[in-house]
C-alpha atoms as a PDB file:
ATOM      1  CA  MET A   1     -15.655  19.585   4.202  1.00  0.00           C
ATOM      2  CA  SER A   2     -18.538  19.583   5.942  1.00  0.00           C
ATOM      3  CA  GLU A   3     -19.241  16.481   8.478  1.00  0.00           C
ATOM      4  CA  LEU A   4     -20.663  13.964   7.467  1.00  0.00           C
ATOM      5  CA  SER A   5     -23.948  12.748   8.979  1.00  0.00           C
ATOM      6  CA  SER A   6     -24.246   9.438   7.925  1.00  0.00           C
ATOM      7  CA  TYR A   7     -22.078   5.886   9.084  1.00  0.00           C
ATOM      8  CA  PRO A   8     -21.261   2.762   7.586  1.00  0.00           C
ATOM      9  CA  THR A   9     -23.437   0.316   8.689  1.00  0.00           C
ATOM     10  CA  GLY A  10     -21.542  -2.937   6.215  1.00  0.00           C
ATOM     11  CA  ILE A  11     -18.482  -2.983   4.564  1.00  0.00           C
ATOM     12  CA  ARG A  12     -17.513  -5.586   2.232  1.00  0.00           C
ATOM     13  CA  LEU A  13     -15.895  -6.292  -1.012  1.00  0.00           C
ATOM     14  CA  SER A  14     -17.756  -7.565  -3.601  1.00  0.00           C
ATOM     15  CA  ASP A  15     -17.069 -10.201  -6.749  1.00  0.00           C
ATOM     16  CA  ASP A  16     -16.963  -7.010  -9.522  1.00  0.00           C
ATOM     17  CA  ASN A  17     -13.663  -5.087  -7.586  1.00  0.00           C
ATOM     18  CA  ARG A  18     -15.325  -3.369  -5.978  1.00  0.00           C
ATOM     19  CA  LEU A  19     -15.887  -1.911  -2.184  1.00  0.00           C
ATOM     20  CA  VAL A  20     -19.458  -2.188  -1.224  1.00  0.00           C
ATOM     21  CA  ILE A  21     -20.515   0.334   1.626  1.00  0.00           C
ATOM     22  CA  ASP A  22     -24.053   0.331   3.207  1.00  0.00           C
ATOM     23  CA  TRP A  23     -24.487   3.859   4.703  1.00  0.00           C
ATOM     24  CA  SER A  24     -26.773   4.458   7.806  1.00  0.00           C
ATOM     25  CA  ASP A  25     -29.108   6.809   5.246  1.00  0.00           C
ATOM     26  CA  ASN A  26     -29.419   3.586   3.459  1.00  0.00           C
ATOM     27  CA  VAL A  27     -27.603   4.656   0.432  1.00  0.00           C
ATOM     28  CA  ARG A  28     -24.919   1.951  -1.214  1.00  0.00           C
ATOM     29  CA  SER A  29     -21.396   2.789  -2.631  1.00  0.00           C
ATOM     30  CA  ARG A  30     -19.831   0.309  -5.072  1.00  0.00           C
ATOM     31  CA  ILE A  31     -16.249   1.756  -5.635  1.00  0.00           C
ATOM     32  CA  PRO A  32     -14.063  -0.006  -7.747  1.00  0.00           C
ATOM     33  CA  PHE A  33     -11.162  -0.932  -6.780  1.00  0.00           C
ATOM     34  CA  ARG A  34      -8.969   1.442  -9.443  1.00  0.00           C
ATOM     35  CA  ILE A  35     -10.775   4.341  -8.148  1.00  0.00           C
ATOM     36  CA  LEU A  36      -9.603   4.287  -4.802  1.00  0.00           C
ATOM     37  CA  ARG A  37      -6.287   3.322  -5.776  1.00  0.00           C
ATOM     38  CA  ASP A  38      -6.554   6.319  -8.199  1.00  0.00           C
ATOM     39  CA  ASN A  39      -7.322   8.517  -5.254  1.00  0.00           C
ATOM     40  CA  CYS A  40      -5.319   6.942  -2.264  1.00  0.00           C
ATOM     41  CA  PRO A  41      -4.827  10.511  -0.662  1.00  0.00           C
ATOM     42  CA  CYS A  42      -1.494   9.508   1.234  1.00  0.00           C
ATOM     43  CA  ALA A  43       1.528  12.145   0.839  1.00  0.00           C
ATOM     44  CA  HIS A  44       3.434  10.020  -1.764  1.00  0.00           C
ATOM     45  CA  CYS A  45       0.640   9.202  -4.159  1.00  0.00           C
ATOM     46  CA  ARG A  46      -0.584  13.420  -3.803  1.00  0.00           C
ATOM     47  CA  GLU A  47       3.126  14.240  -4.990  1.00  0.00           C
ATOM     48  CA  ALA A  48       3.390  11.718  -7.839  1.00  0.00           C
ATOM     49  CA  GLU A  49       0.517  13.338  -8.895  1.00  0.00           C
ATOM     50  CA  ARG A  50       1.733  17.084  -8.640  1.00  0.00           C
ATOM     51  CA  ASN A  51       5.179  15.953 -10.296  1.00  0.00           C
ATOM     52  CA  PRO A  52       4.699  13.313 -12.518  1.00  0.00           C
ATOM     53  CA  GLN A  53       7.431  11.498 -14.119  1.00  0.00           C
ATOM     54  CA  PRO A  54       8.826  13.059 -17.651  1.00  0.00           C
ATOM     55  CA  ALA A  55       6.777  11.649 -20.605  1.00  0.00           C
ATOM     56  CA  GLU A  56       9.893  10.282 -22.505  1.00  0.00           C
ATOM     57  CA  LEU A  57      10.636   7.700 -19.462  1.00  0.00           C
ATOM     58  CA  LEU A  58       9.090   4.212 -19.437  1.00  0.00           C
ATOM     59  CA  PRO A  59       7.539   3.956 -15.671  1.00  0.00           C
ATOM     60  CA  VAL A  60       9.408   0.561 -14.269  1.00  0.00           C
ATOM     61  CA  ILE A  61       6.459  -1.362 -12.910  1.00  0.00           C
ATOM     62  CA  SER A  62       6.997  -3.996 -10.238  1.00  0.00           C
ATOM     63  CA  ALA A  63       5.314  -7.722 -10.592  1.00  0.00           C
ATOM     64  CA  ALA A  64       2.766  -6.810  -8.687  1.00  0.00           C
ATOM     65  CA  GLU A  65       1.766  -3.874 -10.478  1.00  0.00           C
ATOM     66  CA  ALA A  66       1.627  -5.644 -13.120  1.00  0.00           C
ATOM     67  CA  GLN A  67      -1.405  -8.100 -12.123  1.00  0.00           C
ATOM     68  CA  PRO A  68      -4.929  -7.081 -11.953  1.00  0.00           C
ATOM     69  CA  LEU A  69      -5.362  -4.196  -8.956  1.00  0.00           C
ATOM     70  CA  MET A  70      -7.151  -5.962  -6.022  1.00  0.00           C
ATOM     71  CA  VAL A  71      -7.979  -5.074  -2.195  1.00  0.00           C
ATOM     72  CA  GLN A  72      -6.316  -7.105   0.130  1.00  0.00           C
ATOM     73  CA  GLY A  73      -7.947  -5.546   2.708  1.00  0.00           C
ATOM     74  CA  VAL A  74     -10.111  -3.196   4.832  1.00  0.00           C
ATOM     75  CA  LYS A  75      -9.395  -1.876   8.287  1.00  0.00           C
ATOM     76  CA  PRO A  76     -11.458   0.766  10.113  1.00  0.00           C
ATOM     77  CA  LEU A  77      -9.355   3.583  11.774  1.00  0.00           C
ATOM     78  CA  GLY A  78     -10.959   5.106  14.863  1.00  0.00           C
ATOM     79  CA  ASN A  79     -14.258   5.888  13.898  1.00  0.00           C
ATOM     80  CA  TYR A  80     -13.689   8.074  10.578  1.00  0.00           C
ATOM     81  CA  ALA A  81     -11.733   6.479   7.857  1.00  0.00           C
ATOM     82  CA  TYR A  82     -10.381   3.258   7.084  1.00  0.00           C
ATOM     83  CA  THR A  83      -7.241   1.856   5.592  1.00  0.00           C
ATOM     84  CA  ILE A  84      -7.270  -0.067   2.435  1.00  0.00           C
ATOM     85  CA  ALA A  85      -4.234  -2.579   1.432  1.00  0.00           C
ATOM     86  CA  PHE A  86      -4.248  -2.944  -2.538  1.00  0.00           C
ATOM     87  CA  SER A  87      -2.708  -6.058  -3.835  1.00  0.00           C
ATOM     88  CA  ASP A  88       0.262  -3.262  -5.299  1.00  0.00           C
ATOM     89  CA  GLY A  89       1.865  -3.532  -2.335  1.00  0.00           C
ATOM     90  CA  HIS A  90       0.543   0.293  -1.244  1.00  0.00           C
ATOM     91  CA  ASP A  91      -1.026   0.742   2.147  1.00  0.00           C
ATOM     92  CA  THR A  92      -0.358   3.720   3.656  1.00  0.00           C
ATOM     93  CA  GLY A  93      -3.500   5.829   2.330  1.00  0.00           C
ATOM     94  CA  ILE A  94      -6.112   6.799   5.094  1.00  0.00           C
ATOM     95  CA  TYR A  95      -9.593   6.985   3.548  1.00  0.00           C
ATOM     96  CA  LYS A  96     -11.631   9.759   5.846  1.00  0.00           C
ATOM     97  CA  LEU A  97     -15.329   8.152   5.419  1.00  0.00           C
ATOM     98  CA  GLU A  98     -16.059  11.664   3.615  1.00  0.00           C
ATOM     99  CA  LEU A  99     -13.939  10.552   1.119  1.00  0.00           C
ATOM    100  CA  LEU A 100     -15.285   7.340   0.548  1.00  0.00           C
ATOM    101  CA  ARG A 101     -18.927   9.187   0.324  1.00  0.00           C
ATOM    102  CA  GLN A 102     -17.317  11.690  -2.166  1.00  0.00           C
ATOM    103  CA  LEU A 103     -16.143   8.942  -4.085  1.00  0.00           C
ATOM    104  CA  GLY A 104     -19.785   6.493  -3.960  1.00  0.00           C
ATOM    105  CA  ASP A 105     -21.765   9.886  -4.764  1.00  0.00           C
ATOM    106  CA  ALA A 106     -19.263  10.739  -7.975  1.00  0.00           C
ATOM    107  CA  ILE A 107     -19.395   6.499  -9.108  1.00  0.00           C
ATOM    108  CA  ALA A 108     -23.581   6.791  -9.016  1.00  0.00           C
ATOM    109  CA  ASP A 109     -23.815   9.812 -10.606  1.00  0.00           C
ATOM    110  CA  ALA A 110     -21.635   9.036 -13.409  1.00  0.00           C
ATOM    111  CA  GLU A 111     -23.545   5.402 -14.038  1.00  0.00           C
ATOM    112  CA  SER A 112     -27.291   6.765 -13.316  1.00  0.00           C
END
């Protein structure tokens, strides 16, 4: 993966459940919370993706997981990533700037 030449100049949560990132190259990313959660880069999520539960088993979900997914907090991690806390209790993913930019670019391409 090539090194990212732009960096966030602003980050906020929107009323329509998206993480909005303004980049130094004047691009604005608007990433839905579900896209962020589904692309969590933590080891637990990547392992669950590689080894899904058999289809005949019904998953057991917590009360928090049954609620609409929300982002409860976004914190910078050094100058290369953010950690994101979700309403389902998950907060271990480290979202590198490159991943956030890729997700934002993919959403922009899909919406145009």
